PDB file of N, CA and C in Angstrom:
ATOM      1  N   MET A   1      -3.924  16.128 -12.175  1.00  0.00           N
ATOM      2  CA  MET A   1      -3.399  16.168 -10.827  1.00  0.00           C
ATOM      3  C   MET A   1      -2.454  17.354 -10.742  1.00  0.00           C
ATOM      4  N   ALA A   2      -2.622  18.192  -9.764  1.00  0.00           N
ATOM      5  CA  ALA A   2      -1.785  19.374  -9.609  1.00  0.00           C
ATOM      6  C   ALA A   2      -0.360  18.959  -9.249  1.00  0.00           C
ATOM      7  N   GLU A   3       0.595  19.570  -9.924  1.00  0.00           N
ATOM      8  CA  GLU A   3       2.009  19.245  -9.712  1.00  0.00           C
ATOM      9  C   GLU A   3       2.431  19.492  -8.265  1.00  0.00           C
ATOM     10  N   GLU A   4       1.948  20.586  -7.672  1.00  0.00           N
ATOM     11  CA  GLU A   4       2.294  20.893  -6.279  1.00  0.00           C
ATOM     12  C   GLU A   4       1.819  19.791  -5.339  1.00  0.00           C
ATOM     13  N   THR A   5       0.611  19.299  -5.563  1.00  0.00           N
ATOM     14  CA  THR A   5       0.060  18.244  -4.712  1.00  0.00           C
ATOM     15  C   THR A   5       0.902  16.980  -4.806  1.00  0.00           C
ATOM     16  N   VAL A   6       1.270  16.588  -6.014  1.00  0.00           N
ATOM     17  CA  VAL A   6       2.074  15.388  -6.200  1.00  0.00           C
ATOM     18  C   VAL A   6       3.449  15.566  -5.562  1.00  0.00           C
ATOM     19  N   ASN A   7       4.078  16.699  -5.784  1.00  0.00           N
ATOM     20  CA  ASN A   7       5.395  16.942  -5.197  1.00  0.00           C
ATOM     21  C   ASN A   7       5.343  16.930  -3.676  1.00  0.00           C
ATOM     22  N   GLN A   8       4.297  17.513  -3.096  1.00  0.00           N
ATOM     23  CA  GLN A   8       4.152  17.513  -1.642  1.00  0.00           C
ATOM     24  C   GLN A   8       3.940  16.089  -1.135  1.00  0.00           C
ATOM     25  N   MET A   9       3.099  15.321  -1.832  1.00  0.00           N
ATOM     26  CA  MET A   9       2.868  13.929  -1.430  1.00  0.00           C
ATOM     27  C   MET A   9       4.165  13.123  -1.503  1.00  0.00           C
ATOM     28  N   LYS A  10       4.944  13.329  -2.564  1.00  0.00           N
ATOM     29  CA  LYS A  10       6.221  12.618  -2.712  1.00  0.00           C
ATOM     30  C   LYS A  10       7.161  12.965  -1.566  1.00  0.00           C
ATOM     31  N   SER A  11       7.222  14.239  -1.225  1.00  0.00           N
ATOM     32  CA  SER A  11       8.083  14.691  -0.139  1.00  0.00           C
ATOM     33  C   SER A  11       7.636  14.089   1.191  1.00  0.00           C
ATOM     34  N   ASP A  12       6.342  14.158   1.472  1.00  0.00           N
ATOM     35  CA  ASP A  12       5.804  13.608   2.719  1.00  0.00           C
ATOM     36  C   ASP A  12       6.012  12.103   2.793  1.00  0.00           C
ATOM     37  N   LEU A  13       5.779  11.422   1.686  1.00  0.00           N
ATOM     38  CA  LEU A  13       5.937   9.968   1.642  1.00  0.00           C
ATOM     39  C   LEU A  13       7.392   9.572   1.844  1.00  0.00           C
ATOM     40  N   SER A  14       8.300  10.329   1.269  1.00  0.00           N
ATOM     41  CA  SER A  14       9.729  10.062   1.453  1.00  0.00           C
ATOM     42  C   SER A  14      10.121  10.226   2.924  1.00  0.00           C
ATOM     43  N   LYS A  15       9.614  11.268   3.566  1.00  0.00           N
ATOM     44  CA  LYS A  15       9.919  11.505   4.983  1.00  0.00           C
ATOM     45  C   LYS A  15       9.406  10.372   5.869  1.00  0.00           C
ATOM     46  N   ILE A  16       8.156   9.972   5.660  1.00  0.00           N
ATOM     47  CA  ILE A  16       7.588   8.927   6.514  1.00  0.00           C
ATOM     48  C   ILE A  16       8.262   7.588   6.235  1.00  0.00           C
ATOM     49  N   SER A  17       8.608   7.317   4.993  1.00  0.00           N
ATOM     50  CA  SER A  17       9.305   6.068   4.648  1.00  0.00           C
ATOM     51  C   SER A  17      10.681   6.013   5.300  1.00  0.00           C
ATOM     52  N   ASN A  18      11.397   7.130   5.269  1.00  0.00           N
ATOM     53  CA  ASN A  18      12.717   7.186   5.920  1.00  0.00           C
ATOM     54  C   ASN A  18      12.598   7.034   7.435  1.00  0.00           C
ATOM     55  N   GLU A  19      11.571   7.644   8.008  1.00  0.00           N
ATOM     56  CA  GLU A  19      11.350   7.520   9.448  1.00  0.00           C
ATOM     57  C   GLU A  19      11.041   6.067   9.824  1.00  0.00           C
ATOM     58  N   ILE A  20      10.216   5.412   9.039  1.00  0.00           N
ATOM     59  CA  ILE A  20       9.880   4.006   9.286  1.00  0.00           C
ATOM     60  C   ILE A  20      11.130   3.141   9.167  1.00  0.00           C
ATOM     61  N   LYS A  21      11.936   3.398   8.165  1.00  0.00           N
ATOM     62  CA  LYS A  21      13.158   2.599   7.978  1.00  0.00           C
ATOM     63  C   LYS A  21      14.106   2.767   9.159  1.00  0.00           C
ATOM     64  N   SER A  22      14.318   4.010   9.594  1.00  0.00           N
ATOM     65  CA  SER A  22      15.269   4.241  10.683  1.00  0.00           C
ATOM     66  C   SER A  22      14.729   3.783  12.040  1.00  0.00           C
ATOM     67  N   THR A  23      13.431   3.887  12.256  1.00  0.00           N
ATOM     68  CA  THR A  23      12.846   3.527  13.543  1.00  0.00           C
ATOM     69  C   THR A  23      12.609   2.024  13.681  1.00  0.00           C
ATOM     70  N   TYR A  24      12.083   1.397  12.625  1.00  0.00           N
ATOM     71  CA  TYR A  24      11.645  -0.001  12.727  1.00  0.00           C
ATOM     72  C   TYR A  24      12.488  -0.970  11.896  1.00  0.00           C
ATOM     73  N   ASP A  25      13.453  -0.465  11.147  1.00  0.00           N
ATOM     74  CA  ASP A  25      14.276  -1.303  10.266  1.00  0.00           C
ATOM     75  C   ASP A  25      13.392  -2.059   9.268  1.00  0.00           C
ATOM     76  N   VAL A  26      12.467  -1.308   8.683  1.00  0.00           N
ATOM     77  CA  VAL A  26      11.529  -1.849   7.702  1.00  0.00           C
ATOM     78  C   VAL A  26      11.656  -1.026   6.433  1.00  0.00           C
ATOM     79  N   GLU A  27      11.806  -1.711   5.321  1.00  0.00           N
ATOM     80  CA  GLU A  27      11.884  -1.034   4.038  1.00  0.00           C
ATOM     81  C   GLU A  27      10.533  -1.103   3.343  1.00  0.00           C
ATOM     82  N   LEU A  28      10.155   0.014   2.737  1.00  0.00           N
ATOM     83  CA  LEU A  28       8.901   0.108   1.998  1.00  0.00           C
ATOM     84  C   LEU A  28       9.203   0.516   0.564  1.00  0.00           C
ATOM     85  N   ARG A  29       8.458  -0.024  -0.356  1.00  0.00           N
ATOM     86  CA  ARG A  29       8.481   0.507  -1.721  1.00  0.00           C
ATOM     87  C   ARG A  29       7.060   0.954  -2.013  1.00  0.00           C
ATOM     88  N   THR A  30       6.897   2.242  -2.254  1.00  0.00           N
ATOM     89  CA  THR A  30       5.578   2.823  -2.490  1.00  0.00           C
ATOM     90  C   THR A  30       5.628   3.723  -3.713  1.00  0.00           C
ATOM     91  N   TYR A  31       4.461   4.035  -4.228  1.00  0.00           N
ATOM     92  CA  TYR A  31       4.371   5.050  -5.278  1.00  0.00           C
ATOM     93  C   TYR A  31       3.009   5.721  -5.190  1.00  0.00           C
ATOM     94  N   ILE A  32       2.935   6.904  -5.764  1.00  0.00           N
ATOM     95  CA  ILE A  32       1.680   7.648  -5.770  1.00  0.00           C
ATOM     96  C   ILE A  32       0.911   7.257  -7.019  1.00  0.00           C
ATOM     97  N   GLU A  33      -0.303   6.791  -6.813  1.00  0.00           N
ATOM     98  CA  GLU A  33      -1.172   6.391  -7.903  1.00  0.00           C
ATOM     99  C   GLU A  33      -2.163   7.534  -8.133  1.00  0.00           C
ATOM    100  N   PRO A  34      -2.091   8.202  -9.280  1.00  0.00           N
ATOM    101  CA  PRO A  34      -2.950   9.369  -9.511  1.00  0.00           C
ATOM    102  C   PRO A  34      -4.424   9.012  -9.621  1.00  0.00           C
ATOM    103  N   LYS A  35      -5.248   9.965  -9.239  1.00  0.00           N
ATOM    104  CA  LYS A  35      -6.696   9.738  -9.241  1.00  0.00           C
ATOM    105  C   LYS A  35      -7.241   9.515 -10.637  1.00  0.00           C
ATOM    106  N   GLU A  36      -6.521   9.945 -11.653  1.00  0.00           N
ATOM    107  CA  GLU A  36      -6.998   9.782 -13.023  1.00  0.00           C
ATOM    108  C   GLU A  36      -7.039   8.315 -13.429  1.00  0.00           C
ATOM    109  N   ARG A  37      -6.366   7.461 -12.673  1.00  0.00           N
ATOM    110  CA  ARG A  37      -6.331   6.040 -12.994  1.00  0.00           C
ATOM    111  C   ARG A  37      -7.577   5.366 -12.445  1.00  0.00           C
ATOM    112  N   GLY A  38      -8.357   4.772 -13.307  1.00  0.00           N
ATOM    113  CA  GLY A  38      -9.551   4.057 -12.862  1.00  0.00           C
ATOM    114  C   GLY A  38     -10.626   4.991 -12.341  1.00  0.00           C
ATOM    115  N   SER A  39     -11.327   4.556 -11.324  1.00  0.00           N
ATOM    116  CA  SER A  39     -12.467   5.322 -10.808  1.00  0.00           C
ATOM    117  C   SER A  39     -12.169   5.955  -9.450  1.00  0.00           C
ATOM    118  N   GLN A  40     -10.907   6.128  -9.131  1.00  0.00           N
ATOM    119  CA  GLN A  40     -10.546   6.725  -7.846  1.00  0.00           C
ATOM    120  C   GLN A  40     -10.980   8.181  -7.786  1.00  0.00           C
ATOM    121  N   LYS A  41     -11.304   8.622  -6.585  1.00  0.00           N
ATOM    122  CA  LYS A  41     -11.732  10.000  -6.396  1.00  0.00           C
ATOM    123  C   LYS A  41     -10.587  10.915  -5.994  1.00  0.00           C
ATOM    124  N   LYS A  42      -9.472  10.328  -5.547  1.00  0.00           N
ATOM    125  CA  LYS A  42      -8.313  11.139  -5.184  1.00  0.00           C
ATOM    126  C   LYS A  42      -7.053  10.296  -5.308  1.00  0.00           C
ATOM    127  N   ASN A  43      -5.926  10.969  -5.243  1.00  0.00           N
ATOM    128  CA  ASN A  43      -4.653  10.264  -5.313  1.00  0.00           C
ATOM    129  C   ASN A  43      -4.551   9.290  -4.149  1.00  0.00           C
ATOM    130  N   ARG A  44      -3.804   8.213  -4.364  1.00  0.00           N
ATOM    131  CA  ARG A  44      -3.580   7.283  -3.268  1.00  0.00           C
ATOM    132  C   ARG A  44      -2.146   6.775  -3.329  1.00  0.00           C
ATOM    133  N   VAL A  45      -1.686   6.291  -2.202  1.00  0.00           N
ATOM    134  CA  VAL A  45      -0.346   5.721  -2.110  1.00  0.00           C
ATOM    135  C   VAL A  45      -0.487   4.211  -2.190  1.00  0.00           C
ATOM    136  N   PHE A  46       0.195   3.640  -3.160  1.00  0.00           N
ATOM    137  CA  PHE A  46       0.171   2.198  -3.349  1.00  0.00           C
ATOM    138  C   PHE A  46       1.435   1.606  -2.737  1.00  0.00           C
ATOM    139  N   ILE A  47       1.263   0.625  -1.859  1.00  0.00           N
ATOM    140  CA  ILE A  47       2.389  -0.053  -1.219  1.00  0.00           C
ATOM    141  C   ILE A  47       2.740  -1.269  -2.075  1.00  0.00           C
ATOM    142  N   GLU A  48       3.906  -1.228  -2.712  1.00  0.00           N
ATOM    143  CA  GLU A  48       4.323  -2.346  -3.561  1.00  0.00           C
ATOM    144  C   GLU A  48       4.829  -3.515  -2.733  1.00  0.00           C
ATOM    145  N   TRP A  49       5.687  -3.241  -1.757  1.00  0.00           N
ATOM    146  CA  TRP A  49       6.181  -4.289  -0.871  1.00  0.00           C
ATOM    147  C   TRP A  49       6.724  -3.706   0.416  1.00  0.00           C
ATOM    148  N   ILE A  50       6.791  -4.592   1.408  1.00  0.00           N
ATOM    149  CA  ILE A  50       7.313  -4.252   2.726  1.00  0.00           C
ATOM    150  C   ILE A  50       8.295  -5.343   3.109  1.00  0.00           C
ATOM    151  N   LYS A  51       9.459  -4.942   3.585  1.00  0.00           N
ATOM    152  CA  LYS A  51      10.470  -5.910   4.011  1.00  0.00           C
ATOM    153  C   LYS A  51      10.884  -5.568   5.437  1.00  0.00           C
ATOM    154  N   ALA A  52      10.468  -6.426   6.363  1.00  0.00           N
ATOM    155  CA  ALA A  52      10.786  -6.219   7.779  1.00  0.00           C
ATOM    156  C   ALA A  52      11.994  -7.066   8.150  1.00  0.00           C
ATOM    157  N   MET A  53      12.948  -6.463   8.851  1.00  0.00           N
ATOM    158  CA  MET A  53      14.159  -7.164   9.244  1.00  0.00           C
ATOM    159  C   MET A  53      13.999  -7.909  10.575  1.00  0.00           C
ATOM    160  N   LYS A  54      12.987  -7.523  11.353  1.00  0.00           N
ATOM    161  CA  LYS A  54      12.757  -8.145  12.661  1.00  0.00           C
ATOM    162  C   LYS A  54      11.299  -8.591  12.764  1.00  0.00           C
ATOM    163  N   PRO A  55      11.043  -9.709  13.447  1.00  0.00           N
ATOM    164  CA  PRO A  55       9.657 -10.150  13.646  1.00  0.00           C
ATOM    165  C   PRO A  55       8.829  -9.068  14.350  1.00  0.00           C
ATOM    166  N   GLY A  56       7.643  -8.828  13.853  1.00  0.00           N
ATOM    167  CA  GLY A  56       6.739  -7.856  14.464  1.00  0.00           C
ATOM    168  C   GLY A  56       6.942  -6.426  14.004  1.00  0.00           C
ATOM    169  N   ALA A  57       8.055  -6.149  13.363  1.00  0.00           N
ATOM    170  CA  ALA A  57       8.352  -4.766  12.949  1.00  0.00           C
ATOM    171  C   ALA A  57       7.394  -4.271  11.877  1.00  0.00           C
ATOM    172  N   ALA A  58       6.927  -5.160  11.017  1.00  0.00           N
ATOM    173  CA  ALA A  58       6.013  -4.750   9.946  1.00  0.00           C
ATOM    174  C   ALA A  58       4.728  -4.158  10.507  1.00  0.00           C
ATOM    175  N   ALA A  59       4.230  -4.728  11.601  1.00  0.00           N
ATOM    176  CA  ALA A  59       2.999  -4.211  12.205  1.00  0.00           C
ATOM    177  C   ALA A  59       3.185  -2.779  12.705  1.00  0.00           C
ATOM    178  N   PHE A  60       4.312  -2.509  13.355  1.00  0.00           N
ATOM    179  CA  PHE A  60       4.580  -1.146  13.817  1.00  0.00           C
ATOM    180  C   PHE A  60       4.724  -0.186  12.643  1.00  0.00           C
ATOM    181  N   ALA A  61       5.393  -0.644  11.592  1.00  0.00           N
ATOM    182  CA  ALA A  61       5.603   0.195  10.410  1.00  0.00           C
ATOM    183  C   ALA A  61       4.285   0.504   9.706  1.00  0.00           C
ATOM    184  N   ILE A  62       3.446  -0.506   9.544  1.00  0.00           N
ATOM    185  CA  ILE A  62       2.153  -0.287   8.890  1.00  0.00           C
ATOM    186  C   ILE A  62       1.295   0.662   9.718  1.00  0.00           C
ATOM    187  N   GLN A  63       1.306   0.508  11.038  1.00  0.00           N
ATOM    188  CA  GLN A  63       0.523   1.415  11.879  1.00  0.00           C
ATOM    189  C   GLN A  63       1.010   2.847  11.724  1.00  0.00           C
ATOM    190  N   LYS A  64       2.323   3.040  11.687  1.00  0.00           N
ATOM    191  CA  LYS A  64       2.893   4.385  11.498  1.00  0.00           C
ATOM    192  C   LYS A  64       2.462   4.958  10.149  1.00  0.00           C
ATOM    193  N   LEU A  65       2.507   4.138   9.102  1.00  0.00           N
ATOM    194  CA  LEU A  65       2.095   4.581   7.773  1.00  0.00           C
ATOM    195  C   LEU A  65       0.602   4.901   7.749  1.00  0.00           C
ATOM    196  N   CYS A  66      -0.202   4.083   8.417  1.00  0.00           N
ATOM    197  CA  CYS A  66      -1.644   4.346   8.496  1.00  0.00           C
ATOM    198  C   CYS A  66      -1.941   5.635   9.254  1.00  0.00           C
ATOM    199  N   ASP A  67      -1.212   5.878  10.346  1.00  0.00           N
ATOM    200  CA  ASP A  67      -1.389   7.127  11.099  1.00  0.00           C
ATOM    201  C   ASP A  67      -1.085   8.332  10.215  1.00  0.00           C
ATOM    202  N   TRP A  68       0.024   8.241   9.463  1.00  0.00           N
ATOM    203  CA  TRP A  68       0.375   9.321   8.529  1.00  0.00           C
ATOM    204  C   TRP A  68      -0.720   9.509   7.487  1.00  0.00           C
ATOM    205  N   ALA A  69      -1.214   8.404   6.932  1.00  0.00           N
ATOM    206  CA  ALA A  69      -2.241   8.477   5.891  1.00  0.00           C
ATOM    207  C   ALA A  69      -3.520   9.125   6.428  1.00  0.00           C
ATOM    208  N   ASP A  70      -3.910   8.754   7.646  1.00  0.00           N
ATOM    209  CA  ASP A  70      -5.104   9.357   8.249  1.00  0.00           C
ATOM    210  C   ASP A  70      -4.912  10.855   8.457  1.00  0.00           C
ATOM    211  N   GLN A  71      -3.746  11.225   8.949  1.00  0.00           N
ATOM    212  CA  GLN A  71      -3.468  12.637   9.219  1.00  0.00           C
ATOM    213  C   GLN A  71      -3.445  13.449   7.921  1.00  0.00           C
ATOM    214  N   SER A  72      -2.901  12.864   6.857  1.00  0.00           N
ATOM    215  CA  SER A  72      -2.794  13.595   5.591  1.00  0.00           C
ATOM    216  C   SER A  72      -3.964  13.316   4.651  1.00  0.00           C
ATOM    217  N   LYS A  73      -4.957  12.572   5.153  1.00  0.00           N
ATOM    218  CA  LYS A  73      -6.148  12.232   4.377  1.00  0.00           C
ATOM    219  C   LYS A  73      -5.771  11.565   3.050  1.00  0.00           C
ATOM    220  N   THR A  74      -4.884  10.576   3.157  1.00  0.00           N
ATOM    221  CA  THR A  74      -4.385   9.842   1.999  1.00  0.00           C
ATOM    222  C   THR A  74      -4.855   8.397   2.072  1.00  0.00           C
ATOM    223  N   THR A  75      -5.365   7.901   0.979  1.00  0.00           N
ATOM    224  CA  THR A  75      -5.779   6.506   0.890  1.00  0.00           C
ATOM    225  C   THR A  75      -4.561   5.638   0.611  1.00  0.00           C
ATOM    226  N   LEU A  76      -4.463   4.535   1.339  1.00  0.00           N
ATOM    227  CA  LEU A  76      -3.407   3.553   1.099  1.00  0.00           C
ATOM    228  C   LEU A  76      -4.007   2.367   0.363  1.00  0.00           C
ATOM    229  N   ALA A  77      -3.227   1.767  -0.519  1.00  0.00           N
ATOM    230  CA  ALA A  77      -3.681   0.591  -1.266  1.00  0.00           C
ATOM    231  C   ALA A  77      -2.529  -0.384  -1.398  1.00  0.00           C
ATOM    232  N   LEU A  78      -2.856  -1.645  -1.541  1.00  0.00           N
ATOM    233  CA  LEU A  78      -1.846  -2.676  -1.788  1.00  0.00           C
ATOM    234  C   LEU A  78      -2.537  -3.879  -2.391  1.00  0.00           C
ATOM    235  N   LYS A  79      -1.740  -4.791  -2.886  1.00  0.00           N
ATOM    236  CA  LYS A  79      -2.267  -6.041  -3.418  1.00  0.00           C
ATOM    237  C   LYS A  79      -1.604  -7.175  -2.645  1.00  0.00           C
ATOM    238  N   ALA A  80      -2.400  -7.898  -1.869  1.00  0.00           N
ATOM    239  CA  ALA A  80      -1.870  -9.030  -1.105  1.00  0.00           C
ATOM    240  C   ALA A  80      -1.448 -10.114  -2.090  1.00  0.00           C
ATOM    241  N   SER A  81      -0.219 -10.574  -1.938  1.00  0.00           N
ATOM    242  CA  SER A  81       0.323 -11.578  -2.847  1.00  0.00           C
ATOM    243  C   SER A  81       1.148 -12.588  -2.064  1.00  0.00           C
ATOM    244  N   ASP A  82       1.074 -13.833  -2.467  1.00  0.00           N
ATOM    245  CA  ASP A  82       1.865 -14.866  -1.802  1.00  0.00           C
ATOM    246  C   ASP A  82       3.214 -15.086  -2.493  1.00  0.00           C
ATOM    247  N   ASP A  83       3.646 -14.122  -3.271  1.00  0.00           N
ATOM    248  CA  ASP A  83       4.907 -14.219  -4.017  1.00  0.00           C
ATOM    249  C   ASP A  83       6.132 -14.369  -3.114  1.00  0.00           C
ATOM    250  N   PHE A  84       6.046 -13.897  -1.876  1.00  0.00           N
ATOM    251  CA  PHE A  84       7.214 -13.912  -0.991  1.00  0.00           C
ATOM    252  C   PHE A  84       7.087 -14.912   0.157  1.00  0.00           C
ATOM    253  N   GLY A  85       6.153 -15.858   0.035  1.00  0.00           N
ATOM    254  CA  GLY A  85       6.090 -16.941   0.998  1.00  0.00           C
ATOM    255  C   GLY A  85       4.939 -16.928   1.983  1.00  0.00           C
ATOM    256  N   THR A  86       4.367 -15.786   2.283  1.00  0.00           N
ATOM    257  CA  THR A  86       3.229 -15.732   3.206  1.00  0.00           C
ATOM    258  C   THR A  86       1.945 -15.893   2.397  1.00  0.00           C
ATOM    259  N   SER A  87       1.017 -16.682   2.904  1.00  0.00           N
ATOM    260  CA  SER A  87      -0.211 -16.929   2.144  1.00  0.00           C
ATOM    261  C   SER A  87      -1.026 -15.642   1.993  1.00  0.00           C
ATOM    262  N   LYS A  88      -1.733 -15.568   0.887  1.00  0.00           N
ATOM    263  CA  LYS A  88      -2.569 -14.401   0.607  1.00  0.00           C
ATOM    264  C   LYS A  88      -3.631 -14.229   1.688  1.00  0.00           C
ATOM    265  N   ASP A  89      -4.233 -15.338   2.139  1.00  0.00           N
ATOM    266  CA  ASP A  89      -5.260 -15.258   3.193  1.00  0.00           C
ATOM    267  C   ASP A  89      -4.686 -14.699   4.492  1.00  0.00           C
ATOM    268  N   LYS A  90      -3.469 -15.101   4.832  1.00  0.00           N
ATOM    269  CA  LYS A  90      -2.818 -14.603   6.048  1.00  0.00           C
ATOM    270  C   LYS A  90      -2.534 -13.106   5.924  1.00  0.00           C
ATOM    271  N   LEU A  91      -2.091 -12.681   4.749  1.00  0.00           N
ATOM    272  CA  LEU A  91      -1.827 -11.253   4.524  1.00  0.00           C
ATOM    273  C   LEU A  91      -3.111 -10.437   4.592  1.00  0.00           C
ATOM    274  N   ILE A  92      -4.176 -10.935   4.004  1.00  0.00           N
ATOM    275  CA  ILE A  92      -5.460 -10.223   4.050  1.00  0.00           C
ATOM    276  C   ILE A  92      -5.914 -10.073   5.499  1.00  0.00           C
ATOM    277  N   SER A  93      -5.757 -11.130   6.282  1.00  0.00           N
ATOM    278  CA  SER A  93      -6.107 -11.062   7.699  1.00  0.00           C
ATOM    279  C   SER A  93      -5.241 -10.031   8.429  1.00  0.00           C
ATOM    280  N   PHE A  94      -3.941 -10.040   8.169  1.00  0.00           N
ATOM    281  CA  PHE A  94      -3.009  -9.097   8.797  1.00  0.00           C
ATOM    282  C   PHE A  94      -3.388  -7.651   8.467  1.00  0.00           C
ATOM    283  N   TYR A  95      -3.558  -7.356   7.194  1.00  0.00           N
ATOM    284  CA  TYR A  95      -3.842  -5.975   6.788  1.00  0.00           C
ATOM    285  C   TYR A  95      -5.228  -5.511   7.214  1.00  0.00           C
ATOM    286  N   SER A  96      -6.165  -6.436   7.361  1.00  0.00           N
ATOM    287  CA  SER A  96      -7.502  -6.028   7.790  1.00  0.00           C
ATOM    288  C   SER A  96      -7.487  -5.439   9.200  1.00  0.00           C
ATOM    289  N   HIS A  97      -6.510  -5.830  10.025  1.00  0.00           N
ATOM    290  CA  HIS A  97      -6.382  -5.254  11.372  1.00  0.00           C
ATOM    291  C   HIS A  97      -6.060  -3.761  11.321  1.00  0.00           C
ATOM    292  N   PHE A  98      -5.578  -3.293  10.189  1.00  0.00           N
ATOM    293  CA  PHE A  98      -5.217  -1.881  10.026  1.00  0.00           C
ATOM    294  C   PHE A  98      -6.246  -1.118   9.191  1.00  0.00           C
ATOM    295  N   GLY A  99      -7.378  -1.754   8.912  1.00  0.00           N
ATOM    296  CA  GLY A  99      -8.453  -1.077   8.193  1.00  0.00           C
ATOM    297  C   GLY A  99      -8.465  -1.303   6.686  1.00  0.00           C
ATOM    298  N   PHE A 100      -7.554  -2.110   6.164  1.00  0.00           N
ATOM    299  CA  PHE A 100      -7.573  -2.422   4.737  1.00  0.00           C
ATOM    300  C   PHE A 100      -8.740  -3.367   4.460  1.00  0.00           C
ATOM    301  N   LYS A 101      -9.385  -3.182   3.318  1.00  0.00           N
ATOM    302  CA  LYS A 101     -10.508  -4.025   2.933  1.00  0.00           C
ATOM    303  C   LYS A 101     -10.259  -4.544   1.519  1.00  0.00           C
ATOM    304  N   PRO A 102     -10.560  -5.826   1.304  1.00  0.00           N
ATOM    305  CA  PRO A 102     -10.413  -6.353  -0.062  1.00  0.00           C
ATOM    306  C   PRO A 102     -11.391  -5.661  -1.008  1.00  0.00           C
ATOM    307  N   ILE A 103     -10.912  -5.345  -2.182  1.00  0.00           N
ATOM    308  CA  ILE A 103     -11.768  -4.801  -3.232  1.00  0.00           C
ATOM    309  C   ILE A 103     -11.506  -5.600  -4.499  1.00  0.00           C
ATOM    310  N   ILE A 104     -12.469  -5.597  -5.350  1.00  0.00           N
ATOM    311  CA  ILE A 104     -12.294  -6.294  -6.620  1.00  0.00           C
ATOM    312  C   ILE A 104     -11.605  -5.325  -7.572  1.00  0.00           C
ATOM    313  N   SER A 105     -10.387  -5.668  -7.935  1.00  0.00           N
ATOM    314  CA  SER A 105      -9.657  -4.786  -8.834  1.00  0.00           C
ATOM    315  C   SER A 105      -9.139  -5.520 -10.060  1.00  0.00           C
ATOM    316  N   ASP A 106      -9.110  -6.834  -9.984  1.00  0.00           N
ATOM    317  CA  ASP A 106      -8.603  -7.606 -11.112  1.00  0.00           C
ATOM    318  C   ASP A 106      -9.768  -8.188 -11.904  1.00  0.00           C
ATOM    319  N   MET A 107      -9.581  -8.264 -13.160  1.00  0.00           N
ATOM    320  CA  MET A 107     -10.568  -8.887 -14.031  1.00  0.00           C
ATOM    321  C   MET A 107      -9.837  -9.849 -14.942  1.00  0.00           C
ATOM    322  N   GLU A 108     -10.535 -10.866 -15.370  1.00  0.00           N
ATOM    323  CA  GLU A 108      -9.961 -11.762 -16.356  1.00  0.00           C
ATOM    324  C   GLU A 108     -11.050 -12.237 -17.283  1.00  0.00           C
ATOM    325  N   ARG A 109     -10.648 -12.588 -18.480  1.00  0.00           N
ATOM    326  CA  ARG A 109     -11.576 -13.116 -19.461  1.00  0.00           C
ATOM    327  C   ARG A 109     -11.172 -14.548 -19.749  1.00  0.00           C
ATOM    328  N   PRO A 110     -12.043 -15.507 -19.431  1.00  0.00           N
ATOM    329  CA  PRO A 110     -11.681 -16.894 -19.681  1.00  0.00           C
ATOM    330  C   PRO A 110     -11.686 -17.191 -21.173  1.00  0.00           C
ATOM    331  N   VAL A 111     -10.987 -18.252 -21.515  1.00  0.00           N
ATOM    332  CA  VAL A 111     -10.958 -18.695 -22.911  1.00  0.00           C
ATOM    333  C   VAL A 111     -12.346 -19.220 -23.276  1.00  0.00           C
ATOM    334  N   LYS A 112     -12.812 -18.835 -24.445  1.00  0.00           N
ATOM    335  CA  LYS A 112     -14.106 -19.333 -24.911  1.00  0.00           C
ATOM    336  C   LYS A 112     -14.000 -20.812 -25.222  1.00  0.00           C
ATOM    337  N   ASN A 113     -15.116 -21.490 -25.050  1.00  0.00           N
ATOM    338  CA  ASN A 113     -15.146 -22.926 -25.373  1.00  0.00           C
ATOM    339  C   ASN A 113     -14.769 -23.139 -26.831  1.00  0.00           C
ATOM    340  N   GLU A 114     -13.879 -24.038 -27.027  1.00  0.00           N
ATOM    341  CA  GLU A 114     -13.478 -24.376 -28.400  1.00  0.00           C
ATOM    342  C   GLU A 114     -14.350 -25.525 -28.882  1.00  0.00           C
ATOM    343  N   THR A 115     -14.842 -25.426 -30.059  1.00  0.00           N
ATOM    344  CA  THR A 115     -15.679 -26.500 -30.605  1.00  0.00           C
ATOM    345  C   THR A 115     -15.055 -27.108 -31.824  1.00  0.00           C
TER     346      THR A 115
END
């Protein structure tokens, strides 16, 4: 991954995150996931968590982030989790309104039958 590309993405992501925080009172934790990881074709921004201070603010913030991603041709990714109280199914439904699609990314190996 070219250092200039990563630095530019970090700068752009910092700007949009600060704009979202000041405009919508929503905090984001994101990081750049390099294309060398897995089978990705390009770098992507992974959203670790979103914390909205007001009802409905998360939707405006996600739309703003999606608009930025479309303009900068950046893929967004996240993992829906019920760790913070909202059901995973509800989160998947919410994010699908913004064009997110479930993908199979986790694998597990079950315990072999013990005899």
